[in-house]
N, C-alpha and C. Protein backbone atom coordinates (compact mmCIF):
# COMPACT_ATOMS: atom_id res chain seq x y z
N UNK A 1 0.82 -1.18 0.00
CA UNK A 1 0.00 0.00 0.00
C UNK A 1 0.87 1.25 0.00
N UNK A 2 2.03 1.20 0.68
CA UNK A 2 2.93 2.34 0.71
C UNK A 2 3.47 2.64 -0.68
N UNK A 3 3.72 1.58 -1.46
CA UNK A 3 4.21 1.75 -2.82
C UNK A 3 3.17 2.48 -3.67
N UNK A 4 1.92 2.10 -3.53
CA UNK A 4 0.86 2.75 -4.30
C UNK A 4 0.76 4.22 -3.93
N UNK A 5 0.81 4.52 -2.64
CA UNK A 5 0.75 5.90 -2.19
C UNK A 5 1.92 6.70 -2.75
N UNK A 6 3.10 6.12 -2.77
CA UNK A 6 4.28 6.81 -3.31
C UNK A 6 4.13 7.06 -4.81
N UNK A 7 3.60 6.09 -5.53
CA UNK A 7 3.41 6.24 -6.98
C UNK A 7 2.41 7.35 -7.27
N UNK A 8 1.30 7.33 -6.53
CA UNK A 8 0.27 8.35 -6.74
C UNK A 8 0.82 9.73 -6.41
N UNK A 9 1.52 9.85 -5.30
CA UNK A 9 2.09 11.15 -4.91
C UNK A 9 3.09 11.64 -5.95
N UNK A 10 3.95 10.76 -6.43
CA UNK A 10 4.93 11.15 -7.45
C UNK A 10 4.24 11.60 -8.73
N UNK A 11 3.17 10.91 -9.09
CA UNK A 11 2.47 11.27 -10.32
C UNK A 11 1.80 12.64 -10.18
N UNK A 12 1.15 12.89 -9.05
CA UNK A 12 0.49 14.18 -8.85
C UNK A 12 1.50 15.30 -8.86
N UNK A 13 2.63 15.09 -8.20
CA UNK A 13 3.68 16.12 -8.20
C UNK A 13 4.22 16.35 -9.60
N UNK A 14 4.44 15.27 -10.36
CA UNK A 14 4.99 15.42 -11.70
C UNK A 14 4.01 16.10 -12.65
N UNK A 15 2.72 15.86 -12.47
CA UNK A 15 1.76 16.49 -13.37
C UNK A 15 1.65 17.99 -13.10
N UNK A 16 1.84 18.40 -11.86
CA UNK A 16 1.75 19.83 -11.57
C UNK A 16 2.92 20.58 -12.14
N UNK A 17 4.07 19.95 -12.20
CA UNK A 17 5.24 20.65 -12.74
C UNK A 17 5.33 20.53 -14.26
N UNK A 18 4.52 19.66 -14.86
CA UNK A 18 4.57 19.46 -16.30
C UNK A 18 3.90 20.57 -17.09
N UNK A 19 3.14 21.41 -16.42
CA UNK A 19 2.42 22.48 -17.10
C UNK A 19 2.98 23.84 -16.70
N UNK A 20 2.87 24.78 -17.60
CA UNK A 20 3.33 26.14 -17.33
C UNK A 20 2.36 26.91 -16.46
N UNK A 21 1.05 26.71 -16.65
CA UNK A 21 0.05 27.44 -15.89
C UNK A 21 -0.27 26.67 -14.62
N UNK A 22 0.40 26.97 -13.55
CA UNK A 22 0.26 26.25 -12.30
C UNK A 22 -1.16 26.32 -11.76
N UNK A 23 -1.80 27.47 -11.80
CA UNK A 23 -3.14 27.64 -11.26
C UNK A 23 -4.15 26.77 -11.98
N UNK A 24 -4.02 26.67 -13.31
CA UNK A 24 -4.95 25.86 -14.10
C UNK A 24 -4.85 24.39 -13.72
N UNK A 25 -3.64 23.91 -13.53
CA UNK A 25 -3.44 22.51 -13.19
C UNK A 25 -4.00 22.21 -11.81
N UNK A 26 -3.74 23.06 -10.84
CA UNK A 26 -4.22 22.83 -9.49
C UNK A 26 -5.74 22.75 -9.46
N UNK A 27 -6.41 23.56 -10.25
CA UNK A 27 -7.87 23.53 -10.25
C UNK A 27 -8.41 22.29 -10.97
N UNK A 28 -7.65 21.68 -11.86
CA UNK A 28 -8.11 20.52 -12.60
C UNK A 28 -7.74 19.20 -11.93
N UNK A 29 -6.72 19.19 -11.09
CA UNK A 29 -6.27 17.94 -10.47
C UNK A 29 -7.34 17.22 -9.68
N UNK A 30 -8.09 17.89 -8.79
CA UNK A 30 -9.12 17.15 -8.05
C UNK A 30 -10.17 16.54 -8.99
N UNK A 31 -10.58 17.29 -9.98
CA UNK A 31 -11.57 16.79 -10.94
C UNK A 31 -11.00 15.62 -11.74
N UNK A 32 -9.77 15.76 -12.21
CA UNK A 32 -9.12 14.68 -12.95
C UNK A 32 -8.95 13.44 -12.09
N UNK A 33 -8.54 13.63 -10.86
CA UNK A 33 -8.33 12.49 -9.96
C UNK A 33 -9.65 11.76 -9.69
N UNK A 34 -10.72 12.52 -9.52
CA UNK A 34 -12.03 11.92 -9.29
C UNK A 34 -12.52 11.18 -10.53
N UNK A 35 -12.37 11.77 -11.69
CA UNK A 35 -12.76 11.12 -12.94
C UNK A 35 -11.93 9.86 -13.19
N UNK A 36 -10.63 9.95 -12.91
CA UNK A 36 -9.75 8.79 -13.09
C UNK A 36 -10.13 7.68 -12.11
N UNK A 37 -10.48 8.05 -10.89
CA UNK A 37 -10.89 7.05 -9.90
C UNK A 37 -12.16 6.35 -10.35
N UNK A 38 -13.13 7.11 -10.84
CA UNK A 38 -14.38 6.52 -11.32
C UNK A 38 -14.11 5.59 -12.51
N UNK A 39 -13.32 6.06 -13.46
CA UNK A 39 -13.00 5.24 -14.65
C UNK A 39 -12.27 3.97 -14.23
N UNK A 40 -11.38 4.08 -13.26
CA UNK A 40 -10.61 2.92 -12.78
C UNK A 40 -11.53 1.88 -12.15
N UNK A 41 -12.45 2.33 -11.33
CA UNK A 41 -13.36 1.41 -10.65
C UNK A 41 -14.28 0.71 -11.66
N UNK A 42 -14.67 1.40 -12.71
CA UNK A 42 -15.58 0.83 -13.70
C UNK A 42 -14.89 0.03 -14.79
N UNK A 43 -13.57 0.09 -14.85
CA UNK A 43 -12.80 -0.58 -15.90
C UNK A 43 -12.62 -2.06 -15.58
N UNK A 44 -13.06 -2.95 -16.46
CA UNK A 44 -12.90 -4.39 -16.20
C UNK A 44 -11.44 -4.83 -16.09
N UNK A 45 -10.51 -4.11 -16.73
CA UNK A 45 -9.10 -4.49 -16.63
C UNK A 45 -8.56 -4.29 -15.22
N UNK A 46 -9.27 -3.52 -14.41
CA UNK A 46 -8.86 -3.35 -13.02
C UNK A 46 -9.12 -4.62 -12.23
N UNK A 47 -10.25 -5.26 -12.49
CA UNK A 47 -10.71 -6.37 -11.67
C UNK A 47 -10.45 -7.74 -12.28
N UNK A 48 -10.33 -7.83 -13.58
CA UNK A 48 -10.24 -9.14 -14.24
C UNK A 48 -9.05 -9.98 -13.81
N UNK A 49 -7.82 -9.46 -13.80
CA UNK A 49 -6.69 -10.35 -13.47
C UNK A 49 -6.81 -11.00 -12.10
N UNK A 50 -7.06 -10.22 -11.07
CA UNK A 50 -7.14 -10.78 -9.72
C UNK A 50 -8.37 -11.66 -9.55
N UNK A 51 -9.48 -11.27 -10.17
CA UNK A 51 -10.71 -12.06 -10.06
C UNK A 51 -10.55 -13.42 -10.72
N UNK A 52 -10.01 -13.43 -11.93
CA UNK A 52 -9.79 -14.69 -12.63
C UNK A 52 -8.81 -15.58 -11.86
N UNK A 53 -7.75 -14.96 -11.35
CA UNK A 53 -6.77 -15.74 -10.59
C UNK A 53 -7.40 -16.29 -9.32
N UNK A 54 -8.20 -15.48 -8.64
CA UNK A 54 -8.84 -15.92 -7.41
C UNK A 54 -9.73 -17.14 -7.68
N UNK A 55 -10.56 -17.04 -8.71
CA UNK A 55 -11.47 -18.16 -9.03
C UNK A 55 -10.67 -19.40 -9.42
N UNK A 56 -9.67 -19.24 -10.29
CA UNK A 56 -8.90 -20.41 -10.74
C UNK A 56 -8.12 -21.04 -9.59
N UNK A 57 -7.57 -20.22 -8.72
CA UNK A 57 -6.80 -20.73 -7.59
C UNK A 57 -7.69 -21.44 -6.57
N UNK A 58 -8.86 -20.87 -6.32
CA UNK A 58 -9.79 -21.52 -5.39
C UNK A 58 -10.27 -22.86 -5.94
N UNK A 59 -10.55 -22.93 -7.24
CA UNK A 59 -10.95 -24.20 -7.85
C UNK A 59 -9.82 -25.23 -7.74
N UNK A 60 -8.60 -24.79 -8.05
CA UNK A 60 -7.42 -25.67 -7.94
C UNK A 60 -7.25 -26.13 -6.50
N UNK A 61 -7.29 -25.19 -5.55
CA UNK A 61 -7.07 -25.51 -4.15
C UNK A 61 -8.16 -26.44 -3.62
N UNK A 62 -9.40 -26.16 -3.95
CA UNK A 62 -10.50 -27.00 -3.48
C UNK A 62 -10.43 -28.40 -4.07
N UNK A 63 -10.07 -28.50 -5.34
CA UNK A 63 -9.99 -29.82 -5.97
C UNK A 63 -8.78 -30.62 -5.49
N UNK A 64 -7.82 -29.97 -4.87
CA UNK A 64 -6.63 -30.66 -4.34
C UNK A 64 -6.90 -31.30 -2.99
N UNK A 65 -7.93 -30.85 -2.30
CA UNK A 65 -8.18 -31.31 -0.93
C UNK A 65 -8.41 -32.82 -0.85
N UNK A 66 -9.06 -33.39 -1.85
CA UNK A 66 -9.31 -34.83 -1.85
C UNK A 66 -7.99 -35.61 -1.82
N UNK A 67 -6.98 -35.09 -2.48
CA UNK A 67 -5.67 -35.76 -2.50
C UNK A 67 -4.99 -35.65 -1.13
N UNK A 68 -5.10 -34.49 -0.52
CA UNK A 68 -4.47 -34.30 0.79
C UNK A 68 -5.11 -35.21 1.83
N UNK A 69 -6.42 -35.40 1.74
CA UNK A 69 -7.11 -36.31 2.68
C UNK A 69 -6.67 -37.76 2.48
N UNK A 70 -6.10 -38.03 1.31
CA UNK A 70 -5.65 -39.40 1.00
C UNK A 70 -4.13 -39.53 1.04
N UNK A 71 -3.45 -38.61 1.72
CA UNK A 71 -2.02 -38.76 1.97
C UNK A 71 -1.09 -38.16 0.92
N UNK A 72 -1.60 -37.49 -0.08
CA UNK A 72 -0.74 -36.86 -1.08
C UNK A 72 -0.11 -35.60 -0.51
N UNK A 73 1.00 -35.17 -1.10
CA UNK A 73 1.67 -33.94 -0.70
C UNK A 73 1.35 -32.84 -1.73
N UNK A 74 1.65 -31.61 -1.35
CA UNK A 74 1.41 -30.45 -2.22
C UNK A 74 2.68 -30.14 -3.01
N UNK A 75 2.53 -29.96 -4.31
CA UNK A 75 3.67 -29.66 -5.17
C UNK A 75 4.03 -28.19 -5.21
N UNK A 76 3.07 -27.32 -4.91
CA UNK A 76 3.31 -25.88 -4.97
C UNK A 76 3.81 -25.39 -3.61
N UNK A 77 5.01 -24.86 -3.57
CA UNK A 77 5.63 -24.41 -2.31
C UNK A 77 4.81 -23.34 -1.59
N UNK A 78 4.01 -22.60 -2.32
CA UNK A 78 3.20 -21.53 -1.74
C UNK A 78 2.17 -22.08 -0.75
N UNK A 79 1.80 -23.34 -0.92
CA UNK A 79 0.76 -23.95 -0.11
C UNK A 79 1.28 -25.03 0.83
N UNK A 80 2.59 -25.05 1.10
CA UNK A 80 3.12 -26.05 2.02
C UNK A 80 3.51 -25.43 3.34
N UNK A 81 3.53 -26.24 4.37
CA UNK A 81 3.88 -25.78 5.71
C UNK A 81 5.32 -25.28 5.74
N UNK A 82 6.22 -26.00 5.08
CA UNK A 82 7.65 -25.66 5.12
C UNK A 82 8.04 -24.58 4.11
N UNK A 83 7.20 -24.37 3.10
CA UNK A 83 7.57 -23.45 2.03
C UNK A 83 8.38 -24.12 0.94
N UNK A 84 8.51 -25.43 1.03
CA UNK A 84 9.23 -26.21 0.02
C UNK A 84 8.23 -27.02 -0.80
N UNK A 85 8.53 -27.28 -2.06
CA UNK A 85 7.61 -28.08 -2.87
C UNK A 85 7.57 -29.53 -2.39
N UNK A 86 6.51 -30.22 -2.75
CA UNK A 86 6.31 -31.64 -2.42
C UNK A 86 6.41 -31.90 -0.92
N UNK A 87 5.63 -31.14 -0.17
CA UNK A 87 5.63 -31.26 1.28
C UNK A 87 4.18 -31.23 1.79
N UNK A 88 4.04 -31.25 3.09
CA UNK A 88 2.73 -31.25 3.73
C UNK A 88 2.01 -29.93 3.41
N UNK A 89 0.76 -30.02 2.95
CA UNK A 89 0.02 -28.79 2.63
C UNK A 89 -0.43 -28.04 3.87
N UNK A 90 -0.60 -26.75 3.73
CA UNK A 90 -1.19 -25.95 4.80
C UNK A 90 -2.66 -26.34 4.90
N UNK A 91 -3.33 -25.90 5.94
CA UNK A 91 -4.75 -26.20 6.10
C UNK A 91 -5.56 -25.53 4.99
N UNK A 92 -6.77 -26.02 4.81
CA UNK A 92 -7.65 -25.47 3.79
C UNK A 92 -7.88 -23.98 4.02
N UNK A 93 -8.11 -23.59 5.28
CA UNK A 93 -8.35 -22.18 5.61
C UNK A 93 -7.13 -21.30 5.34
N UNK A 94 -5.95 -21.79 5.68
CA UNK A 94 -4.73 -21.03 5.41
C UNK A 94 -4.53 -20.85 3.91
N UNK A 95 -4.78 -21.90 3.15
CA UNK A 95 -4.69 -21.80 1.70
C UNK A 95 -5.65 -20.78 1.13
N UNK A 96 -6.91 -20.80 1.61
CA UNK A 96 -7.90 -19.82 1.18
C UNK A 96 -7.45 -18.40 1.51
N UNK A 97 -6.87 -18.21 2.70
CA UNK A 97 -6.41 -16.88 3.11
C UNK A 97 -5.26 -16.41 2.22
N UNK A 98 -4.34 -17.30 1.88
CA UNK A 98 -3.23 -16.94 1.00
C UNK A 98 -3.73 -16.55 -0.39
N UNK A 99 -4.71 -17.27 -0.87
CA UNK A 99 -5.29 -16.96 -2.18
C UNK A 99 -5.95 -15.58 -2.14
N UNK A 100 -6.73 -15.32 -1.10
CA UNK A 100 -7.41 -14.03 -0.97
C UNK A 100 -6.41 -12.88 -0.87
N UNK A 101 -5.38 -13.06 -0.05
CA UNK A 101 -4.37 -12.01 0.13
C UNK A 101 -3.65 -11.70 -1.18
N UNK A 102 -3.29 -12.75 -1.92
CA UNK A 102 -2.62 -12.56 -3.20
C UNK A 102 -3.53 -11.83 -4.19
N UNK A 103 -4.80 -12.20 -4.21
CA UNK A 103 -5.75 -11.53 -5.10
C UNK A 103 -5.89 -10.06 -4.72
N UNK A 104 -5.93 -9.77 -3.44
CA UNK A 104 -6.05 -8.39 -2.96
C UNK A 104 -4.84 -7.55 -3.37
N UNK A 105 -3.65 -8.09 -3.19
CA UNK A 105 -2.43 -7.38 -3.58
C UNK A 105 -2.43 -7.09 -5.08
N UNK A 106 -2.85 -8.06 -5.88
CA UNK A 106 -2.86 -7.86 -7.32
C UNK A 106 -3.97 -6.91 -7.76
N UNK A 107 -5.06 -6.84 -7.02
CA UNK A 107 -6.08 -5.84 -7.29
C UNK A 107 -5.52 -4.45 -7.04
N UNK A 108 -4.76 -4.29 -5.96
CA UNK A 108 -4.15 -3.00 -5.66
C UNK A 108 -3.19 -2.57 -6.78
N UNK A 109 -2.43 -3.52 -7.31
CA UNK A 109 -1.53 -3.19 -8.42
C UNK A 109 -2.30 -2.73 -9.65
N UNK A 110 -3.39 -3.40 -9.95
CA UNK A 110 -4.22 -3.01 -11.09
C UNK A 110 -4.86 -1.64 -10.86
N UNK A 111 -5.32 -1.41 -9.65
CA UNK A 111 -5.90 -0.10 -9.32
C UNK A 111 -4.88 1.01 -9.53
N UNK A 112 -3.67 0.82 -9.02
CA UNK A 112 -2.63 1.83 -9.16
C UNK A 112 -2.27 2.05 -10.62
N UNK A 113 -2.10 0.96 -11.36
CA UNK A 113 -1.74 1.08 -12.78
C UNK A 113 -2.83 1.80 -13.56
N UNK A 114 -4.08 1.39 -13.37
CA UNK A 114 -5.15 1.97 -14.16
C UNK A 114 -5.43 3.42 -13.78
N UNK A 115 -5.38 3.74 -12.50
CA UNK A 115 -5.58 5.13 -12.09
C UNK A 115 -4.49 6.02 -12.69
N UNK A 116 -3.27 5.56 -12.62
CA UNK A 116 -2.16 6.33 -13.20
C UNK A 116 -2.33 6.47 -14.72
N UNK A 117 -2.76 5.41 -15.36
CA UNK A 117 -2.99 5.44 -16.80
C UNK A 117 -4.06 6.47 -17.17
N UNK A 118 -5.15 6.48 -16.42
CA UNK A 118 -6.22 7.45 -16.70
C UNK A 118 -5.76 8.88 -16.41
N UNK A 119 -5.01 9.08 -15.36
CA UNK A 119 -4.50 10.43 -15.06
C UNK A 119 -3.56 10.91 -16.17
N UNK A 120 -2.66 10.04 -16.59
CA UNK A 120 -1.74 10.40 -17.67
C UNK A 120 -2.50 10.68 -18.96
N UNK A 121 -3.50 9.87 -19.24
CA UNK A 121 -4.33 10.07 -20.43
C UNK A 121 -4.96 11.46 -20.41
N UNK A 122 -5.53 11.85 -19.28
CA UNK A 122 -6.17 13.17 -19.17
C UNK A 122 -5.16 14.30 -19.35
N UNK A 123 -3.99 14.13 -18.74
CA UNK A 123 -2.96 15.15 -18.85
C UNK A 123 -2.50 15.30 -20.31
N UNK A 124 -2.28 14.18 -20.98
CA UNK A 124 -1.82 14.23 -22.37
C UNK A 124 -2.89 14.78 -23.32
N UNK A 125 -4.14 14.42 -23.09
CA UNK A 125 -5.22 14.94 -23.94
C UNK A 125 -5.34 16.46 -23.77
N UNK A 126 -5.18 16.94 -22.56
CA UNK A 126 -5.23 18.39 -22.33
C UNK A 126 -4.07 19.08 -23.04
N UNK A 127 -2.93 18.44 -23.02
CA UNK A 127 -1.74 19.05 -23.63
C UNK A 127 -1.73 18.91 -25.15
N UNK A 128 -2.24 17.76 -25.65
CA UNK A 128 -2.24 17.49 -27.09
C UNK A 128 -3.65 17.10 -27.55
N UNK A 129 -4.59 18.03 -27.53
CA UNK A 129 -5.98 17.69 -27.88
C UNK A 129 -6.15 17.18 -29.31
N UNK A 130 -5.25 17.55 -30.18
CA UNK A 130 -5.35 17.10 -31.58
C UNK A 130 -5.06 15.60 -31.71
N UNK A 131 -4.50 14.99 -30.68
CA UNK A 131 -4.18 13.55 -30.70
C UNK A 131 -5.06 12.76 -29.72
N UNK A 132 -6.24 13.28 -29.48
CA UNK A 132 -7.17 12.69 -28.51
C UNK A 132 -7.40 11.19 -28.75
N UNK A 133 -7.70 10.82 -29.99
CA UNK A 133 -7.99 9.41 -30.31
C UNK A 133 -6.77 8.52 -30.09
N UNK A 134 -5.61 8.99 -30.53
CA UNK A 134 -4.38 8.22 -30.37
C UNK A 134 -4.07 8.00 -28.89
N UNK A 135 -4.19 9.05 -28.11
CA UNK A 135 -3.89 8.96 -26.68
C UNK A 135 -4.84 7.98 -25.99
N UNK A 136 -6.13 8.09 -26.28
CA UNK A 136 -7.11 7.17 -25.69
C UNK A 136 -6.83 5.72 -26.10
N UNK A 137 -6.51 5.53 -27.38
CA UNK A 137 -6.22 4.18 -27.88
C UNK A 137 -5.00 3.59 -27.18
N UNK A 138 -3.93 4.38 -27.08
CA UNK A 138 -2.72 3.89 -26.41
C UNK A 138 -2.97 3.61 -24.93
N UNK A 139 -3.82 4.40 -24.32
CA UNK A 139 -4.15 4.19 -22.92
C UNK A 139 -4.90 2.87 -22.72
N UNK A 140 -5.84 2.58 -23.62
CA UNK A 140 -6.58 1.32 -23.55
C UNK A 140 -5.63 0.14 -23.78
N UNK A 141 -4.75 0.28 -24.76
CA UNK A 141 -3.78 -0.78 -25.05
C UNK A 141 -2.90 -1.04 -23.84
N UNK A 142 -2.46 0.02 -23.17
CA UNK A 142 -1.61 -0.14 -21.98
C UNK A 142 -2.34 -0.89 -20.89
N UNK A 143 -3.59 -0.53 -20.62
CA UNK A 143 -4.34 -1.19 -19.54
C UNK A 143 -4.62 -2.66 -19.87
N UNK A 144 -4.96 -2.94 -21.12
CA UNK A 144 -5.20 -4.33 -21.52
C UNK A 144 -3.91 -5.14 -21.44
N UNK A 145 -2.81 -4.54 -21.88
CA UNK A 145 -1.51 -5.23 -21.81
C UNK A 145 -1.13 -5.53 -20.37
N UNK A 146 -1.31 -4.56 -19.48
CA UNK A 146 -1.00 -4.77 -18.07
C UNK A 146 -1.87 -5.88 -17.49
N UNK A 147 -3.17 -5.85 -17.79
CA UNK A 147 -4.08 -6.87 -17.27
C UNK A 147 -3.71 -8.25 -17.81
N UNK A 148 -3.36 -8.30 -19.09
CA UNK A 148 -2.97 -9.58 -19.69
C UNK A 148 -1.69 -10.11 -19.06
N UNK A 149 -0.73 -9.22 -18.86
CA UNK A 149 0.53 -9.62 -18.23
C UNK A 149 0.28 -10.13 -16.80
N UNK A 150 -0.55 -9.41 -16.05
CA UNK A 150 -0.86 -9.84 -14.68
C UNK A 150 -1.51 -11.22 -14.67
N UNK A 151 -2.45 -11.43 -15.58
CA UNK A 151 -3.15 -12.70 -15.65
C UNK A 151 -2.16 -13.82 -16.00
N UNK A 152 -1.27 -13.55 -16.93
CA UNK A 152 -0.26 -14.54 -17.32
C UNK A 152 0.72 -14.79 -16.18
N UNK A 153 1.21 -13.71 -15.57
CA UNK A 153 2.20 -13.81 -14.50
C UNK A 153 1.66 -14.59 -13.31
N UNK A 154 0.41 -14.44 -13.02
CA UNK A 154 -0.18 -15.14 -11.89
C UNK A 154 -0.43 -16.62 -12.18
N UNK A 155 -0.36 -17.01 -13.44
CA UNK A 155 -0.55 -18.42 -13.79
C UNK A 155 -2.00 -18.85 -13.75
N UNK A 156 -2.90 -17.95 -14.08
CA UNK A 156 -4.33 -18.23 -14.02
C UNK A 156 -4.71 -19.46 -14.84
N UNK A 157 -4.23 -19.53 -16.06
CA UNK A 157 -4.57 -20.65 -16.94
C UNK A 157 -4.06 -21.96 -16.36
N UNK A 158 -2.89 -21.94 -15.76
CA UNK A 158 -2.31 -23.14 -15.15
C UNK A 158 -3.23 -23.65 -14.03
N UNK A 159 -3.79 -22.74 -13.24
CA UNK A 159 -4.69 -23.16 -12.15
C UNK A 159 -5.98 -23.77 -12.70
N UNK A 160 -6.52 -23.19 -13.76
CA UNK A 160 -7.71 -23.79 -14.37
C UNK A 160 -7.39 -25.19 -14.90
N UNK A 161 -6.22 -25.34 -15.52
CA UNK A 161 -5.82 -26.65 -16.04
C UNK A 161 -5.61 -27.64 -14.89
N UNK A 162 -4.98 -27.19 -13.82
CA UNK A 162 -4.73 -28.07 -12.67
C UNK A 162 -6.04 -28.52 -12.04
N UNK A 163 -7.01 -27.63 -11.97
CA UNK A 163 -8.33 -27.97 -11.44
C UNK A 163 -8.94 -29.11 -12.25
N UNK A 164 -8.88 -28.99 -13.59
CA UNK A 164 -9.41 -30.05 -14.45
C UNK A 164 -8.63 -31.35 -14.27
N UNK A 165 -7.30 -31.24 -14.21
CA UNK A 165 -6.46 -32.43 -14.02
C UNK A 165 -6.76 -33.11 -12.68
N UNK A 166 -6.93 -32.30 -11.63
CA UNK A 166 -7.25 -32.86 -10.31
C UNK A 166 -8.56 -33.63 -10.35
N UNK A 167 -9.57 -33.06 -10.98
CA UNK A 167 -10.88 -33.73 -11.06
C UNK A 167 -10.77 -35.03 -11.84
N UNK A 168 -10.04 -35.03 -12.95
CA UNK A 168 -9.88 -36.25 -13.75
C UNK A 168 -9.11 -37.32 -12.99
N UNK A 169 -8.01 -36.93 -12.33
CA UNK A 169 -7.20 -37.88 -11.59
C UNK A 169 -7.97 -38.47 -10.42
N UNK A 170 -8.72 -37.63 -9.71
CA UNK A 170 -9.50 -38.13 -8.58
C UNK A 170 -10.53 -39.14 -9.06
N UNK A 171 -11.13 -38.88 -10.20
CA UNK A 171 -12.11 -39.82 -10.77
C UNK A 171 -11.44 -41.12 -11.17
N UNK A 172 -10.26 -41.01 -11.81
CA UNK A 172 -9.54 -42.22 -12.24
C UNK A 172 -9.11 -43.06 -11.04
N UNK A 173 -8.68 -42.39 -9.96
CA UNK A 173 -8.23 -43.12 -8.77
C UNK A 173 -9.40 -43.56 -7.88
N UNK A 174 -10.59 -43.02 -8.17
CA UNK A 174 -11.77 -43.38 -7.39
C UNK A 174 -11.73 -42.84 -5.97
N UNK A 175 -11.12 -41.68 -5.80
CA UNK A 175 -11.07 -41.09 -4.45
C UNK A 175 -12.03 -39.89 -4.38
N UNK A 176 -12.51 -39.64 -3.23
CA UNK A 176 -13.44 -38.52 -2.99
C UNK A 176 -13.02 -37.74 -1.78
């Protein structure tokens, strides 16, 4: 959270010095910040990476429980008691808490990225109104790229695949 606060503060300071008319910028900053906050909250790229990861991780984690009840170990070090792979898994509740915390942290990253993107977009459009379409397009591309990278980095697809693999293996082994 401190990192986000530092990024936001640095951006606000940099935008005020980027313009020659100091009074004009100061009067527009609160309005711009509020508009950027609203756009950020309504933007699906803010919520999609962490939400998809949360759902895929919970499905993976829940489908793994049948194996743990039957003596299997956890391959992912993030969910083991020792922090090493192929060891005793943490409890179901601890795993759920780790998933939630990770999703929350990644939501904060998306919020910071998207708010900054919208603020920069507004500043650039004010400075270069003749390039309004280009600036908006590049801003959308940046947010989608960031969301895609976050989704990939978190391994969302891997968790969905593991969930399916767990269900198939449990069925093949006849365990519940």
